[in-house]
Amino acid sequence: MVTAPNRIDLAGGTTDLYPLYIFMEGGYTVNVAISIRSRVIFREHVGIGIKIFSEDLGTSTEASDPKDLSTDGPLGLIGRAVKTFPPLTATEILTHNEAPAGSGLGASSALLVALIKGLLRLRSEEEPQRELISLAVNTETSVIGVPAGSQDHIAALFGGISVLRFDNRSFQRRAIPEGTDWIERLEDMLVLSYTGEGRFSGMNNWEVTKNFIDNVGDTREKLLAIRDVARETGRVLMAGDLGKIPALVQKEWDIRRTLAPGISTPRIDSIMAATSAAGAQANKICGAGGGGCMVTICPPRQRSAVETAIAEAGGRVIPFRIDTHGTVVSELI
């Protein structure tokens, strides 16, 4: 079995897309790996070929030869990875995402990292961490048909709290050291919830990327501002100055929600208004926006009131802890 954490992105999403961060002369993203995980189980089965079953989606596919697996539909991403790194014996692959569908928590990317890690291990192969992330990003891009960012895969592989810079050298990661005394305080400030609306980040991100390239409206100025907020968020986090985090996260969302139609919705606005009335300091949709999960920042003493407000507004609070393990491989078969 291989498991990998999902993530909450605090600032800078979209600026991790290649080649966007090249055009921007560098992108920045800050994210937090969380205990909501994606899981892949490998089993031998009698006969030949590959069987794949997604427990959370309730769907399956199989092929007598891995090269015949479909790369379309809900299991297309898994099929593409298995075709690229086929097991050497007949294998059953069971997958499960703990996050709700369309969560914006990078669940499909985390699942892909876990899957590729497991497939390579089954083949007695090993890829350096950077190459594994590149493999996952390129695999995802080939299936969704638009550029995929890499922050989700980085969080899944490494875990922890990551301050990321993207540039001509791919990415540089600074991690908040495990055991840092304020990590639990940050955890107590963060409330994660599901808005009830799923989303697909690829299209939002691609629309924004095209608008940047074509210099449509003020997209360039807004994305550069998001990058700068993320850079400052990373600096503040590295310094442990948690008091400045809420204003920066709110500023990022206030810019992001104006990047393209549909990034915010009336339902999202309603839930955010309810949390603010209950004492929240900041709200932000995870991922590219349009639905999925929301991260709310509040003083710990207001946490209960904020969680109640979310539920009464139609959201669902999702308990989590900050993950420091990253991708974990146990006995495969």
C-alpha atoms as a PDB file:
ATOM      1  CA  MET A   1       0.000   0.000   0.000  1.00  0.00           C
ATOM      2  CA  VAL A   2       1.121   3.543  -0.762  1.00  0.00           C
ATOM      3  CA  THR A   3      -0.531   6.648   0.704  1.00  0.00           C
ATOM      4  CA  ALA A   4       0.094  10.351   0.089  1.00  0.00           C
ATOM      5  CA  PRO A   5      -1.289  13.477   1.777  1.00  0.00           C
ATOM      6  CA  ASN A   6      -3.542  16.056   0.167  1.00  0.00           C
ATOM      7  CA  ARG A   7      -2.880  19.748   0.760  1.00  0.00           C
ATOM      8  CA  ILE A   8      -4.299  23.117   1.689  1.00  0.00           C
ATOM      9  CA  ASP A   9      -2.801  25.909  -0.416  1.00  0.00           C
ATOM     10  CA  LEU A  10      -2.521  29.142   1.524  1.00  0.00           C
ATOM     11  CA  ALA A  11      -1.266  31.351  -1.294  1.00  0.00           C
ATOM     12  CA  GLY A  12       0.142  31.391  -4.802  1.00  0.00           C
ATOM     13  CA  GLY A  13      -1.752  28.650  -6.598  1.00  0.00           C
ATOM     14  CA  THR A  14      -1.687  28.875 -10.422  1.00  0.00           C
ATOM     15  CA  THR A  15       1.784  30.482 -10.335  1.00  0.00           C
ATOM     16  CA  ASP A  16       3.193  26.922 -10.120  1.00  0.00           C
ATOM     17  CA  LEU A  17       2.125  26.147 -13.711  1.00  0.00           C
ATOM     18  CA  TYR A  18       4.761  25.737 -16.401  1.00  0.00           C
ATOM     19  CA  PRO A  19       5.390  27.813 -18.468  1.00  0.00           C
ATOM     20  CA  LEU A  20       3.427  30.502 -16.610  1.00  0.00           C
ATOM     21  CA  TYR A  21       6.046  30.905 -13.901  1.00  0.00           C
ATOM     22  CA  ILE A  22       8.695  31.420 -16.608  1.00  0.00           C
ATOM     23  CA  PHE A  23       6.683  34.286 -18.085  1.00  0.00           C
ATOM     24  CA  MET A  24       6.230  35.693 -14.575  1.00  0.00           C
ATOM     25  CA  GLU A  25       9.964  35.548 -13.834  1.00  0.00           C
ATOM     26  CA  GLY A  26       9.213  33.196 -10.954  1.00  0.00           C
ATOM     27  CA  GLY A  27       6.179  31.847  -9.138  1.00  0.00           C
ATOM     28  CA  TYR A  28       5.637  31.284  -5.413  1.00  0.00           C
ATOM     29  CA  THR A  29       3.277  28.933  -3.589  1.00  0.00           C
ATOM     30  CA  VAL A  30       2.789  28.139   0.093  1.00  0.00           C
ATOM     31  CA  ASN A  31       0.956  24.943   1.035  1.00  0.00           C
ATOM     32  CA  VAL A  32       0.287  22.666   3.985  1.00  0.00           C
ATOM     33  CA  ALA A  33       0.114  18.874   3.622  1.00  0.00           C
ATOM     34  CA  ILE A  34      -2.780  17.419   5.598  1.00  0.00           C
ATOM     35  CA  SER A  35      -3.846  14.082   7.051  1.00  0.00           C
ATOM     36  CA  ILE A  36      -6.564  13.608   4.410  1.00  0.00           C
ATOM     37  CA  ARG A  37      -4.831  11.084   2.196  1.00  0.00           C
ATOM     38  CA  SER A  38      -5.008   9.249  -1.128  1.00  0.00           C
ATOM     39  CA  ARG A  39      -4.348   5.511  -1.065  1.00  0.00           C
ATOM     40  CA  VAL A  40      -3.293   2.875  -3.587  1.00  0.00           C
ATOM     41  CA  ILE A  41      -3.312  -0.863  -2.809  1.00  0.00           C
ATOM     42  CA  PHE A  42      -1.644  -3.405  -5.093  1.00  0.00           C
ATOM     43  CA  ARG A  43      -2.691  -7.071  -5.108  1.00  0.00           C
ATOM     44  CA  GLU A  44      -1.719 -10.071  -7.181  1.00  0.00           C
ATOM     45  CA  HIS A  45      -4.592 -11.728  -9.003  1.00  0.00           C
ATOM     46  CA  VAL A  46      -4.969 -15.017 -10.803  1.00  0.00           C
ATOM     47  CA  GLY A  47      -4.786 -14.728 -14.567  1.00  0.00           C
ATOM     48  CA  ILE A  48      -3.281 -12.052 -16.740  1.00  0.00           C
ATOM     49  CA  GLY A  49      -3.581  -8.328 -17.125  1.00  0.00           C
ATOM     50  CA  ILE A  50      -4.575  -5.409 -14.939  1.00  0.00           C
ATOM     51  CA  LYS A  51      -7.677  -4.729 -12.896  1.00  0.00           C
ATOM     52  CA  ILE A  52      -8.287  -1.235 -11.507  1.00  0.00           C
ATOM     53  CA  PHE A  53     -11.017  -0.326  -9.038  1.00  0.00           C
ATOM     54  CA  SER A  54     -11.685   3.103  -7.553  1.00  0.00           C
ATOM     55  CA  GLU A  55     -13.377   2.640  -4.192  1.00  0.00           C
ATOM     56  CA  ASP A  56     -14.507   6.244  -3.793  1.00  0.00           C
ATOM     57  CA  LEU A  57     -15.816   6.573  -7.353  1.00  0.00           C
ATOM     58  CA  GLY A  58     -17.315   3.080  -7.413  1.00  0.00           C
ATOM     59  CA  THR A  59     -16.023   2.350 -10.902  1.00  0.00           C
ATOM     60  CA  SER A  60     -13.553  -0.105 -12.410  1.00  0.00           C
ATOM     61  CA  THR A  61     -11.728  -1.046 -15.580  1.00  0.00           C
ATOM     62  CA  GLU A  62      -9.459  -3.856 -16.716  1.00  0.00           C
ATOM     63  CA  ALA A  63      -7.338  -4.970 -19.641  1.00  0.00           C
ATOM     64  CA  SER A  64      -5.470  -8.163 -20.506  1.00  0.00           C
ATOM     65  CA  ASP A  65      -2.536  -5.985 -21.560  1.00  0.00           C
ATOM     66  CA  PRO A  66      -1.717  -2.706 -19.784  1.00  0.00           C
ATOM     67  CA  LYS A  67      -1.162  -0.963 -23.118  1.00  0.00           C
ATOM     68  CA  ASP A  68      -4.889  -1.409 -23.833  1.00  0.00           C
ATOM     69  CA  LEU A  69      -6.029   0.512 -20.762  1.00  0.00           C
ATOM     70  CA  SER A  70      -8.160   3.555 -21.522  1.00  0.00           C
ATOM     71  CA  THR A  71      -6.827   7.005 -20.684  1.00  0.00           C
ATOM     72  CA  ASP A  72     -10.301   8.544 -20.878  1.00  0.00           C
ATOM     73  CA  GLY A  73     -13.026   8.832 -18.267  1.00  0.00           C
ATOM     74  CA  PRO A  74     -12.775   8.921 -14.470  1.00  0.00           C
ATOM     75  CA  LEU A  75      -9.956   6.349 -14.392  1.00  0.00           C
ATOM     76  CA  GLY A  76      -8.014   7.858 -17.286  1.00  0.00           C
ATOM     77  CA  LEU A  77      -5.255   9.275 -15.110  1.00  0.00           C
ATOM     78  CA  ILE A  78      -4.686   5.924 -13.422  1.00  0.00           C
ATOM     79  CA  GLY A  79      -4.769   4.162 -16.780  1.00  0.00           C
ATOM     80  CA  ARG A  80      -2.129   6.493 -18.218  1.00  0.00           C
ATOM     81  CA  ALA A  81       0.233   5.901 -15.288  1.00  0.00           C
ATOM     82  CA  VAL A  82      -0.194   2.123 -15.430  1.00  0.00           C
ATOM     83  CA  LYS A  83       0.424   2.100 -19.190  1.00  0.00           C
ATOM     84  CA  THR A  84       3.630   4.073 -18.619  1.00  0.00           C
ATOM     85  CA  PHE A  85       4.914   1.881 -15.763  1.00  0.00           C
ATOM     86  CA  PRO A  86       3.130  -1.470 -16.219  1.00  0.00           C
ATOM     87  CA  PRO A  87       3.478  -4.071 -13.452  1.00  0.00           C
ATOM     88  CA  LEU A  88       5.481  -7.131 -14.472  1.00  0.00           C
ATOM     89  CA  THR A  89       2.829  -9.564 -13.204  1.00  0.00           C
ATOM     90  CA  ALA A  90      -0.966  -9.698 -13.151  1.00  0.00           C
ATOM     91  CA  THR A  91      -2.029  -7.041 -10.681  1.00  0.00           C
ATOM     92  CA  GLU A  92      -5.182  -5.623  -9.124  1.00  0.00           C
ATOM     93  CA  ILE A  93      -4.985  -1.934  -8.176  1.00  0.00           C
ATOM     94  CA  LEU A  94      -7.429  -0.437  -5.677  1.00  0.00           C
ATOM     95  CA  THR A  95      -7.498   3.333  -5.204  1.00  0.00           C
ATOM     96  CA  HIS A  96      -9.240   5.565  -2.704  1.00  0.00           C
ATOM     97  CA  ASN A  97      -9.378   9.327  -2.109  1.00  0.00           C
ATOM     98  CA  GLU A  98     -10.547  10.380   1.345  1.00  0.00           C
ATOM     99  CA  ALA A  99     -11.337  13.886   0.068  1.00  0.00           C
ATOM    100  CA  PRO A 100     -14.705  14.541  -1.594  1.00  0.00           C
ATOM    101  CA  ALA A 101     -14.739  14.664  -5.386  1.00  0.00           C
ATOM    102  CA  GLY A 102     -13.720  18.048  -6.755  1.00  0.00           C
ATOM    103  CA  SER A 103     -12.306  19.068  -3.369  1.00  0.00           C
ATOM    104  CA  GLY A 104      -9.533  21.359  -4.596  1.00  0.00           C
ATOM    105  CA  LEU A 105      -7.163  19.619  -2.165  1.00  0.00           C
ATOM    106  CA  GLY A 106      -5.001  18.076  -4.877  1.00  0.00           C
ATOM    107  CA  ALA A 107      -6.380  14.572  -4.254  1.00  0.00           C
ATOM    108  CA  SER A 108      -5.976  13.303  -7.830  1.00  0.00           C
ATOM    109  CA  SER A 109      -2.378  14.536  -7.899  1.00  0.00           C
ATOM    110  CA  ALA A 110      -1.630  12.904  -4.549  1.00  0.00           C
ATOM    111  CA  LEU A 111      -3.175   9.657  -5.779  1.00  0.00           C
ATOM    112  CA  LEU A 112      -1.025   9.829  -8.900  1.00  0.00           C
ATOM    113  CA  VAL A 113       2.155  10.344  -6.861  1.00  0.00           C
ATOM    114  CA  ALA A 114       1.269   7.348  -4.678  1.00  0.00           C
ATOM    115  CA  LEU A 115       0.434   5.253  -7.746  1.00  0.00           C
ATOM    116  CA  ILE A 116       3.644   6.051  -9.634  1.00  0.00           C
ATOM    117  CA  LYS A 117       5.722   5.487  -6.497  1.00  0.00           C
ATOM    118  CA  GLY A 118       4.111   2.073  -6.054  1.00  0.00           C
ATOM    119  CA  LEU A 119       4.368   1.084  -9.714  1.00  0.00           C
ATOM    120  CA  LEU A 120       8.068   1.946  -9.764  1.00  0.00           C
ATOM    121  CA  ARG A 121       8.643  -0.048  -6.576  1.00  0.00           C
ATOM    122  CA  LEU A 122       6.843  -3.068  -8.077  1.00  0.00           C
ATOM    123  CA  ARG A 123       9.229  -2.861 -11.015  1.00  0.00           C
ATOM    124  CA  SER A 124      12.232  -2.583  -8.649  1.00  0.00           C
ATOM    125  CA  GLU A 125      12.868   0.889 -10.029  1.00  0.00           C
ATOM    126  CA  GLU A 126      13.405   4.156  -8.225  1.00  0.00           C
ATOM    127  CA  GLU A 127      13.267   7.738  -9.456  1.00  0.00           C
ATOM    128  CA  PRO A 128      14.840  10.723  -7.688  1.00  0.00           C
ATOM    129  CA  GLN A 129      12.229  12.916  -6.038  1.00  0.00           C
ATOM    130  CA  ARG A 130      12.388  15.706  -8.615  1.00  0.00           C
ATOM    131  CA  GLU A 131      12.088  13.273 -11.500  1.00  0.00           C
ATOM    132  CA  LEU A 132       9.124  11.564  -9.859  1.00  0.00           C
ATOM    133  CA  ILE A 133       7.334  14.896  -9.512  1.00  0.00           C
ATOM    134  CA  SER A 134       8.084  15.695 -13.159  1.00  0.00           C
ATOM    135  CA  LEU A 135       6.716  12.296 -14.209  1.00  0.00           C
ATOM    136  CA  ALA A 136       3.519  12.905 -12.258  1.00  0.00           C
ATOM    137  CA  VAL A 137       3.011  16.437 -13.605  1.00  0.00           C
ATOM    138  CA  ASN A 138       3.603  15.373 -17.208  1.00  0.00           C
ATOM    139  CA  THR A 139       1.299  12.374 -16.824  1.00  0.00           C
ATOM    140  CA  GLU A 140      -1.475  14.556 -15.428  1.00  0.00           C
ATOM    141  CA  THR A 141      -1.004  17.180 -18.142  1.00  0.00           C
ATOM    142  CA  SER A 142      -1.287  14.545 -20.874  1.00  0.00           C
ATOM    143  CA  VAL A 143      -4.628  13.352 -19.511  1.00  0.00           C
ATOM    144  CA  ILE A 144      -6.403  16.599 -18.578  1.00  0.00           C
ATOM    145  CA  GLY A 145      -5.240  18.321 -21.764  1.00  0.00           C
ATOM    146  CA  VAL A 146      -4.136  21.562 -20.094  1.00  0.00           C
ATOM    147  CA  PRO A 147      -0.992  22.401 -18.091  1.00  0.00           C
ATOM    148  CA  ALA A 148      -0.900  20.984 -14.568  1.00  0.00           C
ATOM    149  CA  GLY A 149       0.871  22.706 -11.707  1.00  0.00           C
ATOM    150  CA  SER A 150       3.305  20.846  -9.470  1.00  0.00           C
ATOM    151  CA  GLN A 151       2.586  22.160  -5.973  1.00  0.00           C
ATOM    152  CA  ASP A 152       0.104  19.333  -5.279  1.00  0.00           C
ATOM    153  CA  HIS A 153       2.617  16.644  -6.196  1.00  0.00           C
ATOM    154  CA  ILE A 154       5.326  18.291  -4.098  1.00  0.00           C
ATOM    155  CA  ALA A 155       3.074  18.387  -1.040  1.00  0.00           C
ATOM    156  CA  ALA A 156       2.081  14.761  -1.609  1.00  0.00           C
ATOM    157  CA  LEU A 157       5.663  13.541  -1.863  1.00  0.00           C
ATOM    158  CA  PHE A 158       7.300  15.584   0.897  1.00  0.00           C
ATOM    159  CA  GLY A 159       4.473  16.408   3.330  1.00  0.00           C
ATOM    160  CA  GLY A 160       4.833  19.218   5.853  1.00  0.00           C
ATOM    161  CA  ILE A 161       4.569  22.957   5.257  1.00  0.00           C
ATOM    162  CA  SER A 162       6.261  24.014   2.024  1.00  0.00           C
ATOM    163  CA  VAL A 163       7.370  27.417   0.780  1.00  0.00           C
ATOM    164  CA  LEU A 164       7.965  26.915  -2.944  1.00  0.00           C
ATOM    165  CA  ARG A 165       9.619  28.993  -5.643  1.00  0.00           C
ATOM    166  CA  PHE A 166       9.254  28.043  -9.307  1.00  0.00           C
ATOM    167  CA  ASP A 167      11.732  29.296 -11.904  1.00  0.00           C
ATOM    168  CA  ASN A 168      14.098  28.137 -14.659  1.00  0.00           C
ATOM    169  CA  ARG A 169      15.486  25.509 -12.281  1.00  0.00           C
ATOM    170  CA  SER A 170      12.054  23.960 -11.816  1.00  0.00           C
ATOM    171  CA  PHE A 171      11.350  24.422  -8.098  1.00  0.00           C
ATOM    172  CA  GLN A 172      13.074  25.152  -4.834  1.00  0.00           C
ATOM    173  CA  ARG A 173      11.438  24.032  -1.608  1.00  0.00           C
ATOM    174  CA  ARG A 174      11.942  25.455   1.846  1.00  0.00           C
ATOM    175  CA  ALA A 175      10.236  23.414   4.553  1.00  0.00           C
ATOM    176  CA  ILE A 176       9.130  24.457   8.002  1.00  0.00           C
ATOM    177  CA  PRO A 177      11.138  22.049  10.194  1.00  0.00           C
ATOM    178  CA  GLU A 178       9.139  19.310  11.895  1.00  0.00           C
ATOM    179  CA  GLY A 179       8.799  20.086  15.581  1.00  0.00           C
ATOM    180  CA  THR A 180       8.671  23.865  15.086  1.00  0.00           C
ATOM    181  CA  ASP A 181       6.774  25.119  18.128  1.00  0.00           C
ATOM    182  CA  TRP A 182       4.162  27.141  16.231  1.00  0.00           C
ATOM    183  CA  ILE A 183       2.969  24.406  13.831  1.00  0.00           C
ATOM    184  CA  GLU A 184       0.288  23.269  16.281  1.00  0.00           C
ATOM    185  CA  ARG A 185      -0.822  26.884  16.708  1.00  0.00           C
ATOM    186  CA  LEU A 186      -1.246  27.212  12.945  1.00  0.00           C
ATOM    187  CA  GLU A 187      -3.196  23.969  12.884  1.00  0.00           C
ATOM    188  CA  ASP A 188      -5.547  25.347  15.558  1.00  0.00           C
ATOM    189  CA  MET A 189      -6.158  28.448  13.410  1.00  0.00           C
ATOM    190  CA  LEU A 190      -7.183  26.541  10.265  1.00  0.00           C
ATOM    191  CA  VAL A 191     -10.703  25.241   9.631  1.00  0.00           C
ATOM    192  CA  LEU A 192     -11.273  23.136   6.518  1.00  0.00           C
ATOM    193  CA  SER A 193     -14.729  22.685   5.033  1.00  0.00           C
ATOM    194  CA  TYR A 194     -16.427  21.415   1.892  1.00  0.00           C
ATOM    195  CA  THR A 195     -18.715  23.927   0.178  1.00  0.00           C
ATOM    196  CA  GLY A 196     -20.879  21.268  -1.453  1.00  0.00           C
ATOM    197  CA  GLU A 197     -19.871  22.337  -4.956  1.00  0.00           C
ATOM    198  CA  GLY A 198     -17.242  20.317  -6.830  1.00  0.00           C
ATOM    199  CA  ARG A 199     -14.857  21.892  -9.301  1.00  0.00           C
ATOM    200  CA  PHE A 200     -12.241  21.142 -11.983  1.00  0.00           C
ATOM    201  CA  SER A 201      -9.140  23.244 -11.514  1.00  0.00           C
ATOM    202  CA  GLY A 202      -7.593  22.598 -14.919  1.00  0.00           C
ATOM    203  CA  MET A 203      -9.963  24.810 -16.869  1.00  0.00           C
ATOM    204  CA  ASN A 204      -9.888  27.740 -14.433  1.00  0.00           C
ATOM    205  CA  ASN A 205      -6.092  27.637 -14.378  1.00  0.00           C
ATOM    206  CA  TRP A 206      -5.842  27.353 -18.151  1.00  0.00           C
ATOM    207  CA  GLU A 207      -8.224  30.256 -18.725  1.00  0.00           C
ATOM    208  CA  VAL A 208      -6.143  32.407 -16.383  1.00  0.00           C
ATOM    209  CA  THR A 209      -2.906  31.266 -18.052  1.00  0.00           C
ATOM    210  CA  LYS A 210      -4.208  32.132 -21.525  1.00  0.00           C
ATOM    211  CA  ASN A 211      -5.363  35.522 -20.305  1.00  0.00           C
ATOM    212  CA  PHE A 212      -1.889  36.180 -18.902  1.00  0.00           C
ATOM    213  CA  ILE A 213      -0.188  35.183 -22.163  1.00  0.00           C
ATOM    214  CA  ASP A 214      -2.616  37.235 -24.256  1.00  0.00           C
ATOM    215  CA  ASN A 215      -2.378  40.156 -21.812  1.00  0.00           C
ATOM    216  CA  VAL A 216      -6.156  40.243 -21.350  1.00  0.00           C
ATOM    217  CA  GLY A 217      -7.353  42.982 -19.047  1.00  0.00           C
ATOM    218  CA  ASP A 218      -5.442  43.177 -15.796  1.00  0.00           C
ATOM    219  CA  THR A 219      -4.751  39.427 -15.493  1.00  0.00           C
ATOM    220  CA  ARG A 220      -0.988  39.940 -15.507  1.00  0.00           C
ATOM    221  CA  GLU A 221      -1.092  42.503 -12.744  1.00  0.00           C
ATOM    222  CA  LYS A 222      -3.366  40.320 -10.623  1.00  0.00           C
ATOM    223  CA  LEU A 223      -1.283  37.152 -11.027  1.00  0.00           C
ATOM    224  CA  LEU A 224       1.894  39.028 -10.235  1.00  0.00           C
ATOM    225  CA  ALA A 225       0.159  40.427  -7.152  1.00  0.00           C
ATOM    226  CA  ILE A 226      -0.844  36.883  -6.117  1.00  0.00           C
ATOM    227  CA  ARG A 227       2.753  35.791  -6.568  1.00  0.00           C
ATOM    228  CA  ASP A 228       3.966  38.647  -4.393  1.00  0.00           C
ATOM    229  CA  VAL A 229       1.427  37.851  -1.673  1.00  0.00           C
ATOM    230  CA  ALA A 230       2.590  34.224  -1.701  1.00  0.00           C
ATOM    231  CA  ARG A 231       6.216  35.291  -1.425  1.00  0.00           C
ATOM    232  CA  GLU A 232       5.365  37.449   1.593  1.00  0.00           C
ATOM    233  CA  THR A 233       3.275  34.639   3.098  1.00  0.00           C
ATOM    234  CA  GLY A 234       6.271  32.347   2.830  1.00  0.00           C
ATOM    235  CA  ARG A 235       8.558  34.907   4.445  1.00  0.00           C
ATOM    236  CA  VAL A 236       6.138  35.446   7.320  1.00  0.00           C
ATOM    237  CA  LEU A 237       5.682  31.704   7.864  1.00  0.00           C
ATOM    238  CA  MET A 238       9.411  31.058   7.900  1.00  0.00           C
ATOM    239  CA  ALA A 239       9.676  33.738  10.576  1.00  0.00           C
ATOM    240  CA  GLY A 240       6.829  32.182  12.580  1.00  0.00           C
ATOM    241  CA  ASP A 241       4.833  35.427  12.554  1.00  0.00           C
ATOM    242  CA  LEU A 242       1.399  33.809  12.455  1.00  0.00           C
ATOM    243  CA  GLY A 243      -0.428  37.022  13.281  1.00  0.00           C
ATOM    244  CA  LYS A 244       0.170  38.302   9.751  1.00  0.00           C
ATOM    245  CA  ILE A 245      -1.070  35.162   7.964  1.00  0.00           C
ATOM    246  CA  PRO A 246      -4.844  35.854   7.971  1.00  0.00           C
ATOM    247  CA  ALA A 247      -4.568  39.223   6.232  1.00  0.00           C
ATOM    248  CA  LEU A 248      -2.259  37.785   3.565  1.00  0.00           C
ATOM    249  CA  VAL A 249      -4.506  34.780   2.860  1.00  0.00           C
ATOM    250  CA  GLN A 250      -7.552  37.045   2.619  1.00  0.00           C
ATOM    251  CA  LYS A 251      -5.680  39.412   0.302  1.00  0.00           C
ATOM    252  CA  GLU A 252      -4.760  36.479  -1.958  1.00  0.00           C
ATOM    253  CA  TRP A 253      -8.388  35.379  -2.201  1.00  0.00           C
ATOM    254  CA  ASP A 254      -9.666  38.903  -2.774  1.00  0.00           C
ATOM    255  CA  ILE A 255      -7.399  39.111  -5.830  1.00  0.00           C
ATOM    256  CA  ARG A 256      -7.956  35.535  -7.018  1.00  0.00           C
ATOM    257  CA  ARG A 257     -11.746  35.712  -6.992  1.00  0.00           C
ATOM    258  CA  THR A 258     -11.591  38.465  -9.665  1.00  0.00           C
ATOM    259  CA  LEU A 259      -9.319  36.558 -12.060  1.00  0.00           C
ATOM    260  CA  ALA A 260     -12.095  34.804 -14.001  1.00  0.00           C
ATOM    261  CA  PRO A 261     -15.874  34.297 -13.815  1.00  0.00           C
ATOM    262  CA  GLY A 262     -16.880  31.372 -11.640  1.00  0.00           C
ATOM    263  CA  ILE A 263     -13.887  31.352  -9.302  1.00  0.00           C
ATOM    264  CA  SER A 264     -16.306  32.455  -6.600  1.00  0.00           C
ATOM    265  CA  THR A 265     -20.009  31.590  -6.514  1.00  0.00           C
ATOM    266  CA  PRO A 266     -23.035  32.822  -4.565  1.00  0.00           C
ATOM    267  CA  ARG A 267     -22.828  29.709  -2.361  1.00  0.00           C
ATOM    268  CA  ILE A 268     -19.153  30.327  -1.597  1.00  0.00           C
ATOM    269  CA  ASP A 269     -19.824  33.999  -0.842  1.00  0.00           C
ATOM    270  CA  SER A 270     -22.672  33.030   1.494  1.00  0.00           C
ATOM    271  CA  ILE A 271     -20.572  30.563   3.507  1.00  0.00           C
ATOM    272  CA  MET A 272     -17.686  33.017   3.730  1.00  0.00           C
ATOM    273  CA  ALA A 273     -20.002  35.757   4.968  1.00  0.00           C
ATOM    274  CA  ALA A 274     -21.307  33.417   7.663  1.00  0.00           C
ATOM    275  CA  THR A 275     -17.800  32.585   8.898  1.00  0.00           C
ATOM    276  CA  SER A 276     -16.818  36.246   8.967  1.00  0.00           C
ATOM    277  CA  ALA A 277     -19.880  37.058  11.075  1.00  0.00           C
ATOM    278  CA  ALA A 278     -18.810  34.283  13.475  1.00  0.00           C
ATOM    279  CA  GLY A 279     -15.341  35.752  13.957  1.00  0.00           C
ATOM    280  CA  ALA A 280     -13.248  34.335  11.113  1.00  0.00           C
ATOM    281  CA  GLN A 281     -10.279  36.433  10.003  1.00  0.00           C
ATOM    282  CA  ALA A 282      -9.874  35.039   6.468  1.00  0.00           C
ATOM    283  CA  ASN A 283     -11.421  32.671   3.940  1.00  0.00           C
ATOM    284  CA  LYS A 284     -10.025  31.168   0.756  1.00  0.00           C
ATOM    285  CA  ILE A 285     -11.180  28.466  -1.626  1.00  0.00           C
ATOM    286  CA  CYS A 286      -8.563  25.731  -2.009  1.00  0.00           C
ATOM    287  CA  GLY A 287      -7.083  25.227  -5.459  1.00  0.00           C
ATOM    288  CA  ALA A 288      -8.153  27.289  -8.442  1.00  0.00           C
ATOM    289  CA  GLY A 289     -11.605  28.154  -7.106  1.00  0.00           C
ATOM    290  CA  GLY A 290     -15.098  27.513  -8.389  1.00  0.00           C
ATOM    291  CA  GLY A 291     -16.085  25.223  -5.530  1.00  0.00           C
ATOM    292  CA  GLY A 292     -14.600  22.384  -3.550  1.00  0.00           C
ATOM    293  CA  CYS A 293     -13.049  22.975  -0.149  1.00  0.00           C
ATOM    294  CA  MET A 294     -12.541  26.208   1.737  1.00  0.00           C
ATOM    295  CA  VAL A 295      -9.903  27.060   4.316  1.00  0.00           C
ATOM    296  CA  THR A 296     -10.929  29.491   7.030  1.00  0.00           C
ATOM    297  CA  ILE A 297      -8.538  31.153   9.468  1.00  0.00           C
ATOM    298  CA  CYS A 298      -9.815  32.151  12.876  1.00  0.00           C
ATOM    299  CA  PRO A 299      -8.613  32.604  16.453  1.00  0.00           C
ATOM    300  CA  PRO A 300      -8.797  29.223  18.238  1.00  0.00           C
ATOM    301  CA  ARG A 301     -11.355  30.631  20.695  1.00  0.00           C
ATOM    302  CA  GLN A 302     -13.709  31.317  17.745  1.00  0.00           C
ATOM    303  CA  ARG A 303     -13.270  27.916  16.157  1.00  0.00           C
ATOM    304  CA  SER A 304     -16.477  26.362  17.502  1.00  0.00           C
ATOM    305  CA  ALA A 305     -18.588  29.339  16.412  1.00  0.00           C
ATOM    306  CA  VAL A 306     -17.006  29.351  12.953  1.00  0.00           C
ATOM    307  CA  GLU A 307     -17.597  25.615  12.487  1.00  0.00           C
ATOM    308  CA  THR A 308     -21.227  26.029  13.514  1.00  0.00           C
ATOM    309  CA  ALA A 309     -21.631  28.919  11.059  1.00  0.00           C
ATOM    310  CA  ILE A 310     -20.212  26.806   8.233  1.00  0.00           C
ATOM    311  CA  ALA A 311     -22.645  23.959   8.939  1.00  0.00           C
ATOM    312  CA  GLU A 312     -25.626  26.296   9.193  1.00  0.00           C
ATOM    313  CA  ALA A 313     -24.671  27.922   5.863  1.00  0.00           C
ATOM    314  CA  GLY A 314     -24.634  24.544   4.112  1.00  0.00           C
ATOM    315  CA  GLY A 315     -20.947  23.622   4.301  1.00  0.00           C
ATOM    316  CA  ARG A 316     -19.375  20.572   5.940  1.00  0.00           C
ATOM    317  CA  VAL A 317     -16.426  20.838   8.291  1.00  0.00           C
ATOM    318  CA  ILE A 318     -13.638  18.333   7.573  1.00  0.00           C
ATOM    319  CA  PRO A 319     -11.328  17.476  10.507  1.00  0.00           C
ATOM    320  CA  PHE A 320      -7.625  17.214   9.674  1.00  0.00           C
ATOM    321  CA  ARG A 321      -4.111  17.419  11.082  1.00  0.00           C
ATOM    322  CA  ILE A 322      -0.977  18.784   9.444  1.00  0.00           C
ATOM    323  CA  ASP A 323       0.867  15.859   7.835  1.00  0.00           C
ATOM    324  CA  THR A 324       4.635  15.562   8.224  1.00  0.00           C
ATOM    325  CA  HIS A 325       5.137  12.149   6.618  1.00  0.00           C
ATOM    326  CA  GLY A 326       4.587  12.720   2.903  1.00  0.00           C
ATOM    327  CA  THR A 327       4.260   9.640   0.720  1.00  0.00           C
ATOM    328  CA  VAL A 328       4.449   6.436   2.743  1.00  0.00           C
ATOM    329  CA  VAL A 329       5.132   3.008   1.199  1.00  0.00           C
ATOM    330  CA  SER A 330       4.298  -0.122   3.140  1.00  0.00           C
ATOM    331  CA  GLU A 331       4.343  -3.738   1.945  1.00  0.00           C
ATOM    332  CA  LEU A 332       3.052  -3.654  -1.619  1.00  0.00           C
ATOM    333  CA  ILE A 333       1.982  -7.194  -2.518  1.00  0.00           C
END
